[in-house]
Amino acid sequence: MGLFDRIGRLVRANVNDMVSKAEDPEKVLEQSIIDMQEDLVQLRQAVASAIATQKRSQQQYNQAQSQANQWYSRAQLALQKGDENLAKEALQRKKTYSETADTVKVSLDSQTSQVEVLKRNLTALEGKISEAKAKKDVLKARMTAAKTQEQLNNTMGSLNTSGAMAAFDRMEEKVLQMEARSQAAAELAGGSGLEEDFRKLEASSDVDDELAAMKAQLSGGSVSQNQLPASNQGSAEKSEVDAELEDLRKQLDKM
């Protein structure tokens, strides 16, 4: 293969590819129907012209046949009158018209066949146009659906769903961590309060025990010094207890 042949093939391939990419299916379908309708108009004109020609040929045939029949009748009349020369002349005229009729008949038969073919083609083209219109609507609907699906796919493809879901996962983890810290803080706060309550309770218990011991000591009247007389013992113990209580109140007031 020569260089120019390869270049020519490459150019044609590129041109065909450009044309294929530039084709709009909807416009192509519309133009195809327009072209078919124009063909239909031309075919109807051709059928009408062929029918008109057929009718003229039919008239010529009828006229030639009528003239032939008429001259044949005249030849019979001349022969009946005994004029053979006139009869012969009439037959000659009849022959001319008969030959003309035969010639027109051949053309008429051909035109009749042509008209029948054109009529069949016209009917077929009308059917194809009706079918094409119906198919065009179907193809347009399919094309619209395909464009919509393509746009949807492009939209879905452009969405960063993985990034969005990852952000949701991160936020969920963060919320879980915040909830865990809040729960831990609550537990720590509750535990410290409990410890404080127990410490207060233990401290209160020590004071109560000490107070109970003091009361027992005072009520027992155990004295290490010499015993006082029985008559003065009660009043002395009472005075001593009162003094100690007064001293204790003063110390408490100073605290």
Foldseek 3Di string as FASTA:
>chain_A
DDPVVVVVVVVVVVVVVVVVVPDDVLVVLVVVLVVLVVVLVVLVVVLVVLVVVLVVLVVLLVVLQVLLVVLQVVLVVCVVVVNNVSSVVSNVSSVVSVVSNVVSVVVNVVSVVVSVVSVVVSVVSVVVSVVSVVVSVVVVVVVVVVVVVVVVVVVVVPDPVVVVVVVVVVVVVVVVVVVVVVVVVVVVVVVVVVVVVVVVVVVVVVVVVVVVVVVVCLVVPDDPDDDDDPVCRVVVSVVVVVVVVVVVVVVVVVD
